[in-house]
Amino acid sequence: MILTYRLYLTIFQKRFSLLIMILLASTINIIELNGYCIEDNNHPSRSTMMCGGRVTTGLQVLYDFNEGSGSIVNDVSGVGSPLNLTIANTSNTTWTSGGLSINSGTIIESSSGADKVSTAIQNSNEVTMEVWVKPANITQSGPSRIMTISEDSGDRNCTLGQDGSSYAARLKTTTTASNGTPTVTAAPLFSTQLQHVVYTWNGNNGTEKIYIDGIEKYSGTRGGNITNWNTGLKLAIANEFVNDRFWLGEIKLAAIYNKVLTIGELTTNYIEGSECNSNSNSCGNRVTSGLRVLYDFNEGSGSSVYDVSGIGNPLNLTIANTSNTSWTSGGLSINSGTIIESSSGADKVSTAIQNSNEVTMEVWVKPANITQSGPS
């Protein structure tokens, strides 16, 4: 159902919380919500959204580099508190179509520790690091850091990088150096085309692998466990935290999972591509021009519904009474009265709509009956 209005919106007040039940519920027996968004049609923002067909099980962070401007790279995983990144020197970078080009040395880093990532990996004893990149050359080494959770050039949890004409990975365990060495590498690495690069480690049997464009290029064993990880270390892209291992090139996607992706899952992500092009019911091909908030209800558990729009500060929602709801495949069933609301005002939505004088409200729903009214 889509409702579109072109009007002067005096009805929106900044002090109001955005209630997800505005269109549908005062709230008895409304069965299923599969997507909810509000768009401000005069203020285009990002050209694409989270990839609809990508694997989300075990996802901890996802950066799709669709911001197009500014110094912030948003974590659009919808998992926990967003671990957004800041570009230290934007003059050394250029936003591209669905990506970011790092033209000279800078760092793109989180302001706080990547606790949600490192702790989840420790708990599962598995990790997958994934990027879509086009290196600027085949000579940068160190290895140059494409994505890292580390302290400095001598202490880390895990790193995916480039060492000359090969991709390189390090992961610290109780049997390795604090630097995560030995380094494992895989080729080919091209500076003329985008490549999908994935590193996996399974702590249950020690197996580690590197895949390039969906093909296994390295397989080995790394023993020990990761009880010695520092969960307070920050996450960075394109450099080490002491700024001595910068990486140059274009990056279009970066993700970390707390599981080893299967061959089938790796293939799914590879086919999905570096930008959203899925025909699934999720967000791959959705219109994003003017988008202000997006809830795709893919959390699967818990009391939070995350704003995965990647626009401004996420306007996440909380289910007041989870016992009155049940998570479905890609949706949420509201079985009896409750409310799903933001904890603060929906300023970013209401102000943008006031500025444009236009609004679109959109939902995918299956009502429980044809008798609820009010309107509900």
Protein backbone atom coordinates (compact mmCIF):
# COMPACT_ATOMS: atom_id res chain seq x y z
CA MET A 1 0.00 0.00 0.00
CA ILE A 2 1.41 3.41 -0.96
CA LEU A 3 -0.09 6.73 0.07
CA THR A 4 1.28 9.84 -1.66
CA TYR A 5 0.42 13.42 -0.74
CA ARG A 6 1.55 16.80 -2.05
CA LEU A 7 0.59 19.31 0.63
CA TYR A 8 1.80 21.73 3.26
CA LEU A 9 2.54 19.53 6.26
CA THR A 10 1.54 21.39 9.39
CA ILE A 11 0.42 18.07 10.87
CA PHE A 12 3.98 16.97 11.56
CA GLN A 13 5.44 18.16 14.84
CA LYS A 14 9.04 17.49 15.76
CA ARG A 15 8.09 16.50 19.28
CA PHE A 16 6.07 13.52 18.06
CA SER A 17 7.67 10.11 18.06
CA LEU A 18 7.40 8.20 14.80
CA LEU A 19 4.98 5.37 15.50
CA ILE A 20 5.28 2.51 13.10
CA MET A 21 1.68 1.67 13.78
CA ILE A 22 0.39 5.01 12.44
CA LEU A 23 -0.99 3.45 9.30
CA LEU A 24 -1.97 0.11 10.64
CA ALA A 25 -2.49 -0.37 14.25
CA SER A 26 -4.17 0.73 17.28
CA THR A 27 -3.38 -2.57 17.49
CA ILE A 28 -5.30 -5.80 17.49
CA ASN A 29 -4.35 -8.84 15.44
CA ILE A 30 -2.46 -7.24 12.62
CA ILE A 31 -0.57 -10.11 11.11
CA GLU A 32 2.51 -9.14 9.19
CA LEU A 33 4.69 -6.15 8.34
CA ASN A 34 7.35 -6.79 5.72
CA GLY A 35 8.61 -3.30 4.98
CA TYR A 36 7.98 0.31 5.93
CA CYS A 37 9.44 3.52 4.58
CA ILE A 38 8.78 7.21 4.22
CA GLU A 39 10.23 9.17 1.34
CA ASP A 40 10.93 12.88 0.87
CA ASN A 41 10.72 13.09 -2.92
CA ASN A 42 12.53 16.41 -3.40
CA HIS A 43 15.69 15.46 -1.56
CA PRO A 44 17.51 12.60 -3.27
CA SER A 45 20.04 10.90 -1.11
CA ARG A 46 21.54 7.54 -1.95
CA SER A 47 21.27 5.79 -5.27
CA THR A 48 21.04 2.23 -3.90
CA MET A 49 20.17 0.39 -0.72
CA MET A 50 21.36 -2.66 1.15
CA CYS A 51 21.58 -5.50 -1.32
CA GLY A 52 18.34 -7.43 -1.24
CA GLY A 53 19.67 -10.91 -2.03
CA ARG A 54 22.76 -10.83 0.19
CA VAL A 55 23.26 -13.26 3.06
CA THR A 56 22.31 -11.64 6.37
CA THR A 57 22.68 -14.56 8.80
CA GLY A 58 25.65 -13.79 11.05
CA LEU A 59 26.14 -10.30 9.59
CA GLN A 60 27.73 -7.88 12.05
CA VAL A 61 28.64 -4.82 9.96
CA LEU A 62 27.92 -3.81 6.37
CA TYR A 63 29.22 -0.77 4.52
CA ASP A 64 27.78 -0.28 1.02
CA PHE A 65 29.42 3.12 0.32
CA ASN A 66 26.30 4.60 -1.20
CA GLU A 67 26.42 7.85 0.77
CA GLY A 68 27.68 9.80 -2.26
CA SER A 69 29.02 12.74 -0.24
CA GLY A 70 30.27 13.77 3.18
CA SER A 71 32.70 12.21 5.63
CA ILE A 72 30.54 9.42 7.10
CA VAL A 73 30.36 5.79 5.95
CA ASN A 74 27.26 4.26 7.51
CA ASP A 75 26.98 0.74 8.91
CA VAL A 76 23.74 -0.40 7.22
CA SER A 77 23.76 -3.93 8.65
CA GLY A 78 20.83 -3.17 10.96
CA VAL A 79 22.60 -5.22 13.65
CA GLY A 80 23.01 -3.65 17.08
CA SER A 81 24.18 -0.06 17.34
CA PRO A 82 25.54 1.09 13.95
CA LEU A 83 29.35 1.11 13.81
CA ASN A 84 29.63 4.10 11.48
CA LEU A 85 33.01 5.22 10.13
CA THR A 86 34.52 8.67 9.57
CA ILE A 87 36.84 9.61 6.70
CA ALA A 88 39.73 11.48 8.32
CA ASN A 89 40.64 13.48 5.22
CA THR A 90 37.86 13.73 2.64
CA SER A 91 40.11 15.71 0.26
CA ASN A 92 42.06 12.48 -0.28
CA THR A 93 38.95 10.59 -1.36
CA THR A 94 36.29 10.79 -4.07
CA TRP A 95 32.77 9.37 -3.94
CA THR A 96 32.04 7.23 -6.98
CA SER A 97 28.86 5.55 -8.20
CA GLY A 98 28.15 3.18 -5.31
CA GLY A 99 31.66 3.39 -3.93
CA LEU A 100 34.52 5.42 -2.51
CA SER A 101 37.87 6.02 -4.17
CA ILE A 102 40.83 6.46 -1.80
CA ASN A 103 43.25 8.53 -3.88
CA SER A 104 45.96 9.23 -1.29
CA GLY A 105 46.66 8.25 2.27
CA THR A 106 43.88 8.65 4.85
CA ILE A 107 41.98 6.45 7.29
CA ILE A 108 38.29 5.63 7.56
CA GLU A 109 37.69 4.59 11.16
CA SER A 110 35.12 3.98 13.85
CA SER A 111 35.03 6.43 16.74
CA SER A 112 34.72 3.61 19.28
CA GLY A 113 35.65 -0.03 19.62
CA ALA A 114 34.14 -2.63 17.31
CA ASP A 115 32.88 -4.51 20.38
CA LYS A 116 29.75 -5.87 18.71
CA VAL A 117 31.89 -7.42 15.96
CA SER A 118 34.78 -8.83 17.97
CA THR A 119 32.57 -10.18 20.76
CA ALA A 120 30.23 -11.88 18.30
CA ILE A 121 33.19 -13.51 16.54
CA GLN A 122 34.66 -14.68 19.85
CA ASN A 123 31.32 -16.21 20.79
CA SER A 124 30.96 -18.08 17.50
CA ASN A 125 34.66 -18.86 16.97
CA GLU A 126 34.17 -18.12 13.25
CA VAL A 127 34.66 -15.12 10.99
CA THR A 128 34.14 -13.99 7.41
CA MET A 129 35.64 -10.74 6.10
CA GLU A 130 34.35 -9.63 2.71
CA VAL A 131 35.11 -6.71 0.37
CA TRP A 132 34.49 -5.56 -3.19
CA VAL A 133 37.57 -3.58 -4.24
CA LYS A 134 39.63 -2.32 -7.15
CA PRO A 135 43.21 -1.66 -5.95
CA ALA A 136 44.96 1.39 -7.37
CA ASN A 137 48.11 -0.60 -8.18
CA ILE A 138 49.85 -3.92 -7.63
CA THR A 139 52.78 -2.51 -5.66
CA GLN A 140 51.31 -1.33 -2.33
CA SER A 141 52.29 -3.68 0.47
CA GLY A 142 52.87 -4.05 4.20
CA PRO A 143 50.25 -5.49 3.80
CA SER A 144 48.25 -2.36 3.05
CA ARG A 145 45.09 -2.43 5.16
CA ILE A 146 41.84 -2.76 3.24
CA MET A 147 39.85 -3.53 6.40
CA THR A 148 41.22 -4.09 9.89
CA ILE A 149 40.26 -4.44 13.54
CA SER A 150 43.49 -3.56 15.27
CA GLU A 151 45.48 -1.36 17.64
CA ASP A 152 48.50 -0.49 15.49
CA SER A 153 50.90 -2.10 13.05
CA GLY A 154 51.91 -4.68 15.65
CA ASP A 155 48.68 -5.73 17.37
CA ARG A 156 45.36 -6.78 15.85
CA ASN A 157 42.36 -9.05 15.94
CA CYS A 158 42.03 -9.51 12.18
CA THR A 159 43.01 -7.77 8.94
CA LEU A 160 42.25 -8.14 5.23
CA GLY A 161 44.72 -6.32 3.02
CA GLN A 162 46.94 -6.20 -0.05
CA ASP A 163 50.56 -7.30 -0.35
CA GLY A 164 51.80 -6.43 -3.82
CA SER A 165 50.03 -8.54 -6.40
CA SER A 166 48.23 -10.65 -3.77
CA TYR A 167 45.44 -10.21 -1.25
CA ALA A 168 46.56 -10.89 2.32
CA ALA A 169 44.95 -11.79 5.64
CA ARG A 170 46.07 -11.90 9.25
CA LEU A 171 44.15 -13.22 12.25
CA LYS A 172 45.40 -13.38 15.83
CA THR A 173 44.90 -16.56 17.81
CA THR A 174 46.52 -18.03 20.91
CA THR A 175 49.12 -19.71 18.66
CA THR A 176 50.06 -16.71 16.46
CA ALA A 177 52.00 -13.52 17.05
CA SER A 178 50.04 -10.56 18.44
CA ASN A 179 50.28 -9.11 14.93
CA GLY A 180 48.20 -11.99 13.55
CA THR A 181 51.11 -13.44 11.61
CA PRO A 182 51.74 -15.63 9.74
CA THR A 183 50.20 -13.71 6.86
CA VAL A 184 48.33 -15.80 4.28
CA THR A 185 47.98 -14.60 0.69
CA ALA A 186 46.07 -15.34 -2.50
CA ALA A 187 46.19 -14.19 -6.11
CA PRO A 188 45.37 -12.93 -8.69
CA LEU A 189 44.97 -9.27 -7.75
CA PHE A 190 44.02 -6.85 -10.52
CA SER A 191 44.16 -3.05 -10.52
CA THR A 192 42.00 -2.85 -13.64
CA GLN A 193 38.74 -4.37 -12.36
CA LEU A 194 36.61 -4.84 -9.28
CA GLN A 195 37.19 -8.06 -7.35
CA HIS A 196 35.19 -9.85 -4.67
CA VAL A 197 37.59 -10.91 -1.91
CA VAL A 198 36.57 -13.06 1.08
CA TYR A 199 38.58 -14.41 4.00
CA THR A 200 37.12 -17.05 6.33
CA TRP A 201 38.39 -18.77 9.48
CA ASN A 202 36.68 -21.61 11.32
CA GLY A 203 38.03 -21.87 14.84
CA ASN A 204 36.35 -25.21 15.36
CA ASN A 205 38.78 -26.95 13.00
CA GLY A 206 41.31 -24.19 12.26
CA THR A 207 40.52 -24.02 8.53
CA GLU A 208 41.11 -20.66 6.86
CA LYS A 209 40.41 -19.77 3.24
CA ILE A 210 40.63 -16.89 0.79
CA TYR A 211 38.21 -16.63 -2.12
CA ILE A 212 38.57 -14.30 -5.09
CA ASP A 213 35.52 -13.78 -7.29
CA GLY A 214 33.83 -16.81 -5.80
CA ILE A 215 36.77 -19.19 -6.34
CA GLU A 216 38.86 -20.66 -3.53
CA LYS A 217 42.44 -19.43 -3.99
CA TYR A 218 43.98 -20.36 -0.65
CA SER A 219 43.26 -22.97 1.99
CA GLY A 220 45.26 -23.67 5.12
CA THR A 221 45.07 -24.16 8.87
CA ARG A 222 45.42 -21.65 11.69
CA GLY A 223 45.37 -23.24 15.12
CA GLY A 224 44.50 -21.88 18.52
CA ASN A 225 41.50 -19.86 19.61
CA ILE A 226 40.66 -16.16 19.84
CA THR A 227 40.16 -15.77 23.59
CA ASN A 228 43.11 -13.34 23.42
CA TRP A 229 41.22 -10.87 21.19
CA ASN A 230 40.82 -7.31 22.47
CA THR A 231 37.12 -6.55 21.93
CA GLY A 232 37.74 -2.82 22.42
CA LEU A 233 39.81 -2.41 19.24
CA LYS A 234 38.38 -0.11 16.59
CA LEU A 235 37.60 -0.93 12.96
CA ALA A 236 39.26 0.89 10.08
CA ILE A 237 39.33 0.86 6.30
CA ALA A 238 42.24 1.94 4.07
CA ASN A 239 44.91 2.29 6.75
CA GLU A 240 46.33 1.17 10.07
CA PHE A 241 45.58 3.28 13.15
CA VAL A 242 49.12 4.65 13.21
CA ASN A 243 48.66 5.70 9.57
CA ASP A 244 51.59 3.71 8.23
CA ARG A 245 49.82 1.07 6.10
CA PHE A 246 47.56 3.06 3.80
CA TRP A 247 45.69 1.38 0.96
CA LEU A 248 44.67 3.13 -2.26
CA GLY A 249 41.89 2.10 -4.60
CA GLU A 250 38.13 1.98 -4.90
CA ILE A 251 35.98 0.12 -2.38
CA LYS A 252 32.29 -0.58 -2.98
CA LEU A 253 31.37 -2.91 -0.14
CA ALA A 254 32.79 -4.22 3.13
CA ALA A 255 31.19 -6.68 5.53
CA ILE A 256 32.07 -8.88 8.48
CA TYR A 257 30.16 -11.95 9.66
CA ASN A 258 30.54 -14.00 12.83
CA LYS A 259 30.21 -17.20 10.83
CA VAL A 260 31.99 -18.93 7.98
CA LEU A 261 29.93 -18.36 4.86
CA THR A 262 29.26 -21.58 2.97
CA ILE A 263 30.15 -21.95 -0.69
CA GLY A 264 26.50 -21.38 -1.53
CA GLU A 265 26.37 -18.22 0.58
CA LEU A 266 29.62 -16.91 -0.91
CA THR A 267 28.21 -17.51 -4.38
CA THR A 268 25.02 -15.68 -3.44
CA ASN A 269 26.96 -12.60 -2.32
CA TYR A 270 29.22 -12.76 -5.36
CA ILE A 271 26.28 -12.98 -7.77
CA GLU A 272 24.59 -10.13 -5.91
CA GLY A 273 27.51 -7.98 -6.96
CA SER A 274 29.22 -4.93 -5.55
CA GLU A 275 26.02 -2.89 -5.74
CA CYS A 276 22.39 -3.72 -5.18
CA ASN A 277 20.86 -5.46 -8.16
CA SER A 278 18.67 -8.12 -6.56
CA ASN A 279 15.14 -8.91 -7.64
CA SER A 280 14.23 -10.21 -4.20
CA ASN A 281 11.56 -8.75 -1.95
CA SER A 282 14.13 -6.90 0.11
CA CYS A 283 15.81 -3.61 -0.68
CA GLY A 284 17.98 -4.34 -3.71
CA ASN A 285 16.13 -2.46 -6.48
CA ARG A 286 14.07 -0.10 -4.37
CA VAL A 287 13.84 3.59 -5.18
CA THR A 288 16.06 5.46 -2.74
CA SER A 289 15.86 9.02 -4.02
CA GLY A 290 14.27 10.97 -1.19
CA LEU A 291 14.27 8.05 1.25
CA ARG A 292 14.22 9.12 4.90
CA VAL A 293 13.63 5.90 6.89
CA LEU A 294 13.45 2.23 5.94
CA TYR A 295 12.48 -0.73 8.13
CA ASP A 296 12.85 -4.13 6.44
CA PHE A 297 11.99 -6.29 9.49
CA ASN A 298 14.84 -8.73 8.94
CA GLU A 299 16.04 -8.71 12.56
CA GLY A 300 14.46 -12.09 13.30
CA SER A 301 14.54 -11.68 17.09
CA GLY A 302 14.64 -9.13 19.88
CA SER A 303 12.71 -5.95 20.60
CA SER A 304 14.42 -3.56 18.17
CA VAL A 305 13.44 -2.70 14.59
CA TYR A 306 16.33 -0.98 12.88
CA ASP A 307 16.24 1.93 10.44
CA VAL A 308 18.44 0.60 7.61
CA SER A 309 18.02 3.60 5.32
CA GLY A 310 21.57 4.79 5.96
CA ILE A 311 20.24 8.36 6.08
CA GLY A 312 21.38 10.52 8.99
CA ASN A 313 21.17 9.08 12.49
CA PRO A 314 19.18 5.82 12.43
CA LEU A 315 15.64 6.22 13.78
CA ASN A 316 15.39 2.78 15.36
CA LEU A 317 12.16 1.53 16.91
CA THR A 318 11.38 -0.55 20.01
CA ILE A 319 8.58 -3.12 20.36
CA ALA A 320 6.80 -2.28 23.63
CA ASN A 321 5.55 -5.81 24.27
CA THR A 322 7.40 -8.52 22.38
CA SER A 323 5.12 -11.23 23.78
CA ASN A 324 2.37 -9.79 21.58
CA THR A 325 4.47 -10.20 18.43
CA SER A 326 6.38 -12.93 16.62
CA TRP A 327 9.16 -12.65 14.06
CA THR A 328 8.45 -14.25 10.68
CA SER A 329 10.67 -14.81 7.65
CA GLY A 330 11.48 -11.24 6.66
CA GLY A 331 8.64 -9.78 8.68
CA LEU A 332 6.95 -9.20 12.02
CA SER A 333 3.55 -10.50 13.06
CA ILE A 334 1.59 -8.30 15.48
CA ASN A 335 -0.74 -10.74 17.21
CA SER A 336 -2.30 -8.50 19.85
CA GLY A 337 -2.12 -4.90 20.98
CA THR A 338 1.29 -3.25 21.29
CA ILE A 339 3.19 -0.32 19.80
CA ILE A 340 6.51 -0.09 17.96
CA GLU A 341 7.94 3.39 18.45
CA SER A 342 11.01 5.57 18.26
CA SER A 343 12.51 6.77 21.53
CA SER A 344 12.94 10.31 20.21
CA GLY A 345 11.33 12.65 17.74
CA ALA A 346 11.32 11.82 14.03
CA ASP A 347 12.97 15.16 13.26
CA LYS A 348 14.94 13.96 10.26
CA VAL A 349 11.71 12.74 8.65
CA SER A 350 9.32 15.56 9.49
CA THR A 351 11.78 18.37 8.75
CA ALA A 352 12.73 16.88 5.37
CA ILE A 353 9.06 16.52 4.42
CA GLN A 354 8.31 20.08 5.51
CA ASN A 355 11.20 21.31 3.35
CA SER A 356 10.03 19.39 0.27
CA ASN A 357 6.28 19.85 0.80
CA GLU A 358 5.81 16.25 -0.39
CA VAL A 359 5.56 12.83 1.22
CA THR A 360 5.20 9.15 0.34
CA MET A 361 4.34 6.55 3.00
CA GLU A 362 4.74 2.92 1.96
CA VAL A 363 4.14 -0.46 3.61
CA TRP A 364 3.91 -4.15 2.68
CA VAL A 365 1.27 -5.71 4.97
CA LYS A 366 -1.15 -8.58 5.42
CA PRO A 367 -3.96 -7.47 7.79
CA ALA A 368 -5.35 -10.07 10.21
CA ASN A 369 -8.96 -9.28 9.36
CA ILE A 370 -11.26 -6.79 7.63
CA THR A 371 -13.04 -5.62 10.77
CA GLN A 372 -10.41 -3.56 12.64
CA SER A 373 -11.09 0.15 12.27
CA GLY A 374 -10.64 3.57 13.81
CA PRO A 375 -8.75 3.65 11.42
CA SER A 376 -6.31 1.18 12.94
